[in-house]
Amino acid sequence: KQSRGGGRRRFGEHSAAERAVVDRIFELRDAGYTMKAISEDSKVGYLDGRKMSVSTIQVILKNRSKY
């Protein structure tokens, strides 16, 4: 699927469940959690059960204005 800009849609734009994960990432970061601690949170991960990497979390946080 494509985003409004013509590229791939970002994680968090596919479903409400993905959006909840993105919101949790921002919530934890605002509370002072490190990216490593965020990646270890039980509510942060892909919908298929895989953990989200620190680098993916970093990309999401870096592009916060797009979310």
N, C-alpha and C. Protein backbone atom coordinates (compact mmCIF):
# COMPACT_ATOMS: atom_id res chain seq x y z
N LYS A 1 0.84 -1.19 0.00
CA LYS A 1 0.00 0.00 0.00
C LYS A 1 0.88 1.24 0.00
N GLN A 2 0.32 2.30 -0.48
CA GLN A 2 1.10 3.52 -0.59
C GLN A 2 0.57 4.59 0.34
N SER A 3 1.46 5.46 0.77
CA SER A 3 1.09 6.58 1.63
C SER A 3 0.64 7.75 0.79
N ARG A 4 0.27 8.79 1.46
CA ARG A 4 -0.17 10.00 0.76
C ARG A 4 0.91 10.57 -0.14
N GLY A 5 2.17 10.36 0.22
CA GLY A 5 3.27 10.91 -0.56
C GLY A 5 3.72 10.00 -1.69
N GLY A 6 3.10 8.84 -1.85
CA GLY A 6 3.44 7.94 -2.94
C GLY A 6 4.39 6.83 -2.56
N GLY A 7 5.01 6.90 -1.37
CA GLY A 7 5.93 5.86 -0.92
C GLY A 7 5.20 4.82 -0.07
N ARG A 8 5.97 3.96 0.56
CA ARG A 8 5.37 2.96 1.44
C ARG A 8 4.76 3.62 2.67
N ARG A 9 3.68 3.04 3.16
CA ARG A 9 3.07 3.55 4.38
C ARG A 9 3.94 3.18 5.57
N ARG A 10 4.05 4.09 6.52
CA ARG A 10 4.83 3.88 7.73
C ARG A 10 4.10 2.94 8.68
N PHE A 11 4.88 2.28 9.54
CA PHE A 11 4.30 1.50 10.61
C PHE A 11 3.45 2.46 11.44
N GLY A 12 2.24 2.06 11.74
CA GLY A 12 1.33 2.93 12.47
C GLY A 12 0.23 3.49 11.60
N GLU A 13 0.39 3.38 10.29
CA GLU A 13 -0.62 3.88 9.35
C GLU A 13 -1.51 2.76 8.81
N HIS A 14 -1.22 1.52 9.17
CA HIS A 14 -1.96 0.40 8.62
C HIS A 14 -3.20 0.04 9.43
N SER A 15 -3.11 0.15 10.75
CA SER A 15 -4.23 -0.26 11.60
C SER A 15 -4.20 0.46 12.93
N ALA A 16 -5.32 0.36 13.64
CA ALA A 16 -5.40 0.96 14.98
C ALA A 16 -4.44 0.26 15.93
N ALA A 17 -4.21 -1.03 15.75
CA ALA A 17 -3.28 -1.77 16.62
C ALA A 17 -1.86 -1.25 16.44
N GLU A 18 -1.44 -0.99 15.21
CA GLU A 18 -0.11 -0.42 14.96
C GLU A 18 -0.03 0.98 15.56
N ARG A 19 -1.09 1.74 15.40
CA ARG A 19 -1.10 3.11 15.93
C ARG A 19 -0.93 3.09 17.45
N ALA A 20 -1.53 2.11 18.11
CA ALA A 20 -1.40 1.98 19.56
C ALA A 20 0.05 1.73 19.96
N VAL A 21 0.78 0.95 19.16
CA VAL A 21 2.20 0.69 19.43
C VAL A 21 3.00 1.99 19.29
N VAL A 22 2.74 2.74 18.25
CA VAL A 22 3.44 4.01 18.03
C VAL A 22 3.15 4.98 19.18
N ASP A 23 1.89 5.05 19.58
CA ASP A 23 1.52 5.93 20.70
C ASP A 23 2.25 5.50 21.98
N ARG A 24 2.38 4.19 22.19
CA ARG A 24 3.08 3.68 23.38
C ARG A 24 4.55 4.08 23.35
N ILE A 25 5.17 4.01 22.17
CA ILE A 25 6.57 4.41 22.01
C ILE A 25 6.75 5.86 22.42
N PHE A 26 5.88 6.75 21.94
CA PHE A 26 5.96 8.17 22.29
C PHE A 26 5.70 8.39 23.78
N GLU A 27 4.74 7.66 24.32
CA GLU A 27 4.41 7.77 25.74
C GLU A 27 5.61 7.40 26.62
N LEU A 28 6.26 6.29 26.29
CA LEU A 28 7.41 5.85 27.07
C LEU A 28 8.58 6.81 26.94
N ARG A 29 8.83 7.30 25.73
CA ARG A 29 9.94 8.23 25.52
C ARG A 29 9.71 9.52 26.30
N ASP A 30 8.46 10.01 26.28
CA ASP A 30 8.13 11.23 27.02
C ASP A 30 8.29 11.03 28.52
N ALA A 31 8.16 9.79 28.98
CA ALA A 31 8.33 9.46 30.39
C ALA A 31 9.81 9.26 30.76
N GLY A 32 10.70 9.38 29.76
CA GLY A 32 12.12 9.31 30.03
C GLY A 32 12.77 7.96 29.78
N TYR A 33 12.04 7.02 29.19
CA TYR A 33 12.61 5.71 28.90
C TYR A 33 13.65 5.81 27.78
N THR A 34 14.68 4.99 27.86
CA THR A 34 15.66 4.90 26.78
C THR A 34 15.06 4.09 25.64
N MET A 35 15.67 4.18 24.47
CA MET A 35 15.17 3.39 23.34
C MET A 35 15.28 1.89 23.62
N LYS A 36 16.33 1.48 24.31
CA LYS A 36 16.51 0.08 24.67
C LYS A 36 15.38 -0.38 25.60
N ALA A 37 15.05 0.44 26.59
CA ALA A 37 13.97 0.11 27.52
C ALA A 37 12.62 0.06 26.79
N ILE A 38 12.43 0.96 25.84
CA ILE A 38 11.19 0.95 25.06
C ILE A 38 11.09 -0.35 24.27
N SER A 39 12.19 -0.79 23.67
CA SER A 39 12.17 -2.02 22.86
C SER A 39 11.85 -3.24 23.71
N GLU A 40 12.10 -3.17 25.01
CA GLU A 40 11.84 -4.30 25.90
C GLU A 40 10.45 -4.27 26.52
N ASP A 41 9.69 -3.20 26.28
CA ASP A 41 8.34 -3.09 26.81
C ASP A 41 7.44 -4.13 26.14
N SER A 42 6.60 -4.78 26.93
CA SER A 42 5.76 -5.85 26.40
C SER A 42 4.72 -5.37 25.39
N LYS A 43 4.39 -4.09 25.39
CA LYS A 43 3.39 -3.56 24.46
C LYS A 43 4.01 -2.96 23.20
N VAL A 44 5.33 -3.02 23.10
CA VAL A 44 6.02 -2.48 21.92
C VAL A 44 6.56 -3.64 21.10
N GLY A 45 6.07 -3.76 19.89
CA GLY A 45 6.52 -4.82 19.00
C GLY A 45 5.62 -4.88 17.78
N TYR A 46 5.96 -5.78 16.89
CA TYR A 46 5.17 -5.97 15.69
C TYR A 46 3.95 -6.82 16.02
N LEU A 47 2.94 -6.74 15.20
CA LEU A 47 1.70 -7.45 15.47
C LEU A 47 1.85 -8.96 15.39
N ASP A 48 2.91 -9.43 14.75
CA ASP A 48 3.13 -10.87 14.66
C ASP A 48 3.91 -11.41 15.87
N GLY A 49 4.17 -10.53 16.85
CA GLY A 49 4.82 -10.96 18.08
C GLY A 49 6.31 -10.68 18.16
N ARG A 50 6.91 -10.28 17.04
CA ARG A 50 8.35 -9.98 17.07
C ARG A 50 8.60 -8.68 17.83
N LYS A 51 9.73 -8.65 18.52
CA LYS A 51 10.15 -7.42 19.21
C LYS A 51 10.58 -6.39 18.17
N MET A 52 10.40 -5.15 18.50
CA MET A 52 10.82 -4.07 17.62
C MET A 52 12.26 -3.68 17.98
N SER A 53 13.09 -3.51 16.98
CA SER A 53 14.49 -3.17 17.23
C SER A 53 14.64 -1.72 17.69
N VAL A 54 15.74 -1.46 18.34
CA VAL A 54 16.05 -0.11 18.79
C VAL A 54 16.14 0.83 17.60
N SER A 55 16.71 0.35 16.49
CA SER A 55 16.85 1.22 15.32
C SER A 55 15.49 1.59 14.71
N THR A 56 14.54 0.69 14.75
CA THR A 56 13.19 0.99 14.26
C THR A 56 12.52 2.02 15.16
N ILE A 57 12.69 1.85 16.46
CA ILE A 57 12.13 2.80 17.41
C ILE A 57 12.76 4.18 17.21
N GLN A 58 14.05 4.20 16.94
CA GLN A 58 14.74 5.46 16.69
C GLN A 58 14.16 6.16 15.47
N VAL A 59 13.88 5.43 14.41
CA VAL A 59 13.29 6.01 13.20
C VAL A 59 11.91 6.59 13.50
N ILE A 60 11.11 5.86 14.27
CA ILE A 60 9.77 6.34 14.62
C ILE A 60 9.89 7.63 15.43
N LEU A 61 10.76 7.65 16.41
CA LEU A 61 10.93 8.85 17.24
C LEU A 61 11.47 10.03 16.44
N LYS A 62 12.36 9.75 15.51
CA LYS A 62 12.97 10.80 14.68
C LYS A 62 11.92 11.44 13.77
N ASN A 63 10.92 10.67 13.39
CA ASN A 63 9.87 11.16 12.47
C ASN A 63 8.57 11.45 13.19
N ARG A 64 8.68 11.83 14.44
CA ARG A 64 7.48 12.06 15.26
C ARG A 64 6.49 13.04 14.61
N SER A 65 6.98 14.06 13.99
CA SER A 65 6.09 15.06 13.38
C SER A 65 5.24 14.46 12.25
N LYS A 66 5.66 13.36 11.68
CA LYS A 66 4.90 12.73 10.60
C LYS A 66 3.79 11.83 11.12
N TYR A 67 3.85 11.53 12.42
CA TYR A 67 2.82 10.70 13.04
C TYR A 67 1.77 11.58 13.66
